[in-house]
Amino acid sequence: MTHFEFVKSTYSTSSGECVEVATNVAGTVAVRDSKRADGAVVEITDLAWASFARTL
C-alpha cells in the first residue's frame, strides 16, 4: 500500500472543514477529507491536479 504524507490545505477553516493533499509519491496527488483520515482517498495524476488547480 502506498504511504501518503498528507498536509492540510492552507484554506482550511478553524471548524475542521478541510481537505488534505499528499504529493510525496511521484506522479500522483492524493486527496482526502481531514475529518475521515481512515476514509476514501482520491488518487489522480499530478498533471490532472495541475489542470484542476489552474481551473480554480
N, C-alpha and C. Protein backbone atom coordinates (compact mmCIF):
# COMPACT_ATOMS: atom_id res chain seq x y z
N MET A 1 0.84 -1.18 0.00
CA MET A 1 0.00 0.00 0.00
C MET A 1 0.89 1.24 0.00
N THR A 2 0.51 2.22 -0.78
CA THR A 2 1.27 3.46 -0.88
C THR A 2 1.14 4.27 0.41
N HIS A 3 2.24 4.83 0.85
CA HIS A 3 2.23 5.67 2.05
C HIS A 3 2.20 7.14 1.63
N PHE A 4 1.07 7.77 1.85
CA PHE A 4 0.95 9.19 1.54
C PHE A 4 1.20 10.02 2.78
N GLU A 5 1.87 11.14 2.60
CA GLU A 5 2.11 12.09 3.70
C GLU A 5 1.23 13.30 3.44
N PHE A 6 0.08 13.33 4.10
CA PHE A 6 -0.92 14.37 3.88
C PHE A 6 -0.62 15.65 4.64
N VAL A 7 -0.95 16.76 4.03
CA VAL A 7 -0.89 18.07 4.68
C VAL A 7 -2.23 18.77 4.44
N LYS A 8 -2.64 19.57 5.41
CA LYS A 8 -3.91 20.30 5.29
C LYS A 8 -3.77 21.48 4.35
N SER A 9 -4.84 21.77 3.70
CA SER A 9 -4.89 22.93 2.82
C SER A 9 -4.71 24.21 3.62
N THR A 10 -4.08 25.20 3.04
CA THR A 10 -3.94 26.50 3.71
C THR A 10 -5.27 27.23 3.77
N TYR A 11 -6.27 26.73 3.04
CA TYR A 11 -7.60 27.31 3.06
C TYR A 11 -8.52 26.65 4.08
N SER A 12 -7.99 25.79 4.93
CA SER A 12 -8.78 25.09 5.92
C SER A 12 -9.43 26.06 6.89
N THR A 13 -10.60 25.69 7.35
CA THR A 13 -11.30 26.53 8.33
C THR A 13 -10.98 26.04 9.73
N SER A 14 -11.22 26.89 10.71
CA SER A 14 -10.95 26.52 12.09
C SER A 14 -11.94 25.48 12.61
N SER A 15 -13.08 25.32 11.92
CA SER A 15 -14.07 24.33 12.34
C SER A 15 -13.72 22.92 11.85
N GLY A 16 -12.59 22.77 11.18
CA GLY A 16 -12.14 21.46 10.77
C GLY A 16 -12.59 21.02 9.40
N GLU A 17 -13.28 21.88 8.68
CA GLU A 17 -13.71 21.53 7.33
C GLU A 17 -12.56 21.78 6.37
N CYS A 18 -11.85 20.72 6.03
CA CYS A 18 -10.71 20.92 5.16
C CYS A 18 -10.38 19.68 4.37
N VAL A 19 -9.52 19.89 3.43
CA VAL A 19 -9.03 18.85 2.55
C VAL A 19 -7.55 18.68 2.82
N GLU A 20 -7.09 17.45 2.77
CA GLU A 20 -5.67 17.17 2.91
C GLU A 20 -5.15 16.63 1.59
N VAL A 21 -3.94 17.04 1.24
CA VAL A 21 -3.34 16.65 -0.03
C VAL A 21 -1.96 16.06 0.23
N ALA A 22 -1.64 15.00 -0.51
CA ALA A 22 -0.31 14.40 -0.43
C ALA A 22 0.32 14.44 -1.82
N THR A 23 1.55 14.91 -1.87
CA THR A 23 2.27 14.98 -3.15
C THR A 23 3.62 14.27 -3.07
N ASN A 24 3.79 13.41 -2.07
CA ASN A 24 5.08 12.77 -1.85
C ASN A 24 5.33 11.54 -2.71
N VAL A 25 4.34 11.09 -3.49
CA VAL A 25 4.51 9.94 -4.37
C VAL A 25 4.61 10.46 -5.81
N ALA A 26 5.69 10.15 -6.46
CA ALA A 26 5.95 10.66 -7.81
C ALA A 26 4.79 10.38 -8.77
N GLY A 27 4.36 11.43 -9.47
CA GLY A 27 3.32 11.30 -10.49
C GLY A 27 1.91 11.22 -9.96
N THR A 28 1.73 11.28 -8.64
CA THR A 28 0.42 11.10 -8.03
C THR A 28 0.14 12.22 -7.02
N VAL A 29 -1.12 12.65 -7.00
CA VAL A 29 -1.61 13.54 -5.95
C VAL A 29 -2.77 12.81 -5.29
N ALA A 30 -2.74 12.71 -3.97
CA ALA A 30 -3.80 12.06 -3.22
C ALA A 30 -4.55 13.12 -2.41
N VAL A 31 -5.87 12.98 -2.36
CA VAL A 31 -6.72 13.95 -1.66
C VAL A 31 -7.67 13.18 -0.74
N ARG A 32 -7.87 13.72 0.47
CA ARG A 32 -8.83 13.10 1.39
C ARG A 32 -9.47 14.17 2.27
N ASP A 33 -10.54 13.80 2.90
CA ASP A 33 -11.25 14.65 3.87
C ASP A 33 -10.54 14.50 5.21
N SER A 34 -10.11 15.61 5.79
CA SER A 34 -9.35 15.53 7.05
C SER A 34 -10.18 14.96 8.20
N LYS A 35 -11.50 15.07 8.12
CA LYS A 35 -12.35 14.53 9.18
C LYS A 35 -12.47 13.01 9.10
N ARG A 36 -12.05 12.44 7.97
CA ARG A 36 -12.14 10.99 7.76
C ARG A 36 -10.79 10.45 7.29
N ALA A 37 -9.82 10.57 8.15
CA ALA A 37 -8.45 10.17 7.79
C ALA A 37 -8.37 8.70 7.38
N ASP A 38 -9.26 7.86 7.89
CA ASP A 38 -9.27 6.44 7.52
C ASP A 38 -10.23 6.16 6.37
N GLY A 39 -10.82 7.21 5.81
CA GLY A 39 -11.79 7.05 4.73
C GLY A 39 -11.15 6.98 3.37
N ALA A 40 -11.95 7.26 2.38
CA ALA A 40 -11.53 7.17 0.99
C ALA A 40 -10.44 8.18 0.65
N VAL A 41 -9.57 7.77 -0.24
CA VAL A 41 -8.51 8.63 -0.77
C VAL A 41 -8.67 8.66 -2.28
N VAL A 42 -8.72 9.86 -2.83
CA VAL A 42 -8.81 10.02 -4.27
C VAL A 42 -7.40 10.23 -4.80
N GLU A 43 -6.98 9.38 -5.73
CA GLU A 43 -5.65 9.50 -6.33
C GLU A 43 -5.81 9.93 -7.79
N ILE A 44 -5.08 10.99 -8.15
CA ILE A 44 -5.08 11.46 -9.54
C ILE A 44 -3.64 11.73 -9.96
N THR A 45 -3.45 11.87 -11.25
CA THR A 45 -2.10 12.18 -11.73
C THR A 45 -1.73 13.61 -11.37
N ASP A 46 -0.45 13.87 -11.27
CA ASP A 46 -0.01 15.23 -10.97
C ASP A 46 -0.40 16.19 -12.10
N LEU A 47 -0.47 15.70 -13.33
CA LEU A 47 -0.90 16.55 -14.45
C LEU A 47 -2.38 16.92 -14.33
N ALA A 48 -3.20 15.97 -13.93
CA ALA A 48 -4.63 16.25 -13.73
C ALA A 48 -4.82 17.25 -12.59
N TRP A 49 -4.04 17.11 -11.53
CA TRP A 49 -4.12 18.04 -10.40
C TRP A 49 -3.74 19.46 -10.83
N ALA A 50 -2.67 19.56 -11.61
CA ALA A 50 -2.24 20.89 -12.08
C ALA A 50 -3.32 21.53 -12.93
N SER A 51 -3.97 20.75 -13.77
CA SER A 51 -5.05 21.27 -14.60
C SER A 51 -6.22 21.73 -13.74
N PHE A 52 -6.56 20.94 -12.73
CA PHE A 52 -7.63 21.29 -11.78
C PHE A 52 -7.29 22.59 -11.06
N ALA A 53 -6.08 22.70 -10.57
CA ALA A 53 -5.67 23.91 -9.82
C ALA A 53 -5.70 25.15 -10.70
N ARG A 54 -5.27 25.02 -11.95
CA ARG A 54 -5.32 26.16 -12.88
C ARG A 54 -6.76 26.60 -13.11
N THR A 55 -7.67 25.66 -13.19
CA THR A 55 -9.08 25.97 -13.44
C THR A 55 -9.69 26.72 -12.27
N LEU A 56 -9.24 26.43 -11.08
CA LEU A 56 -9.78 27.14 -9.90
C LEU A 56 -9.39 28.59 -9.95
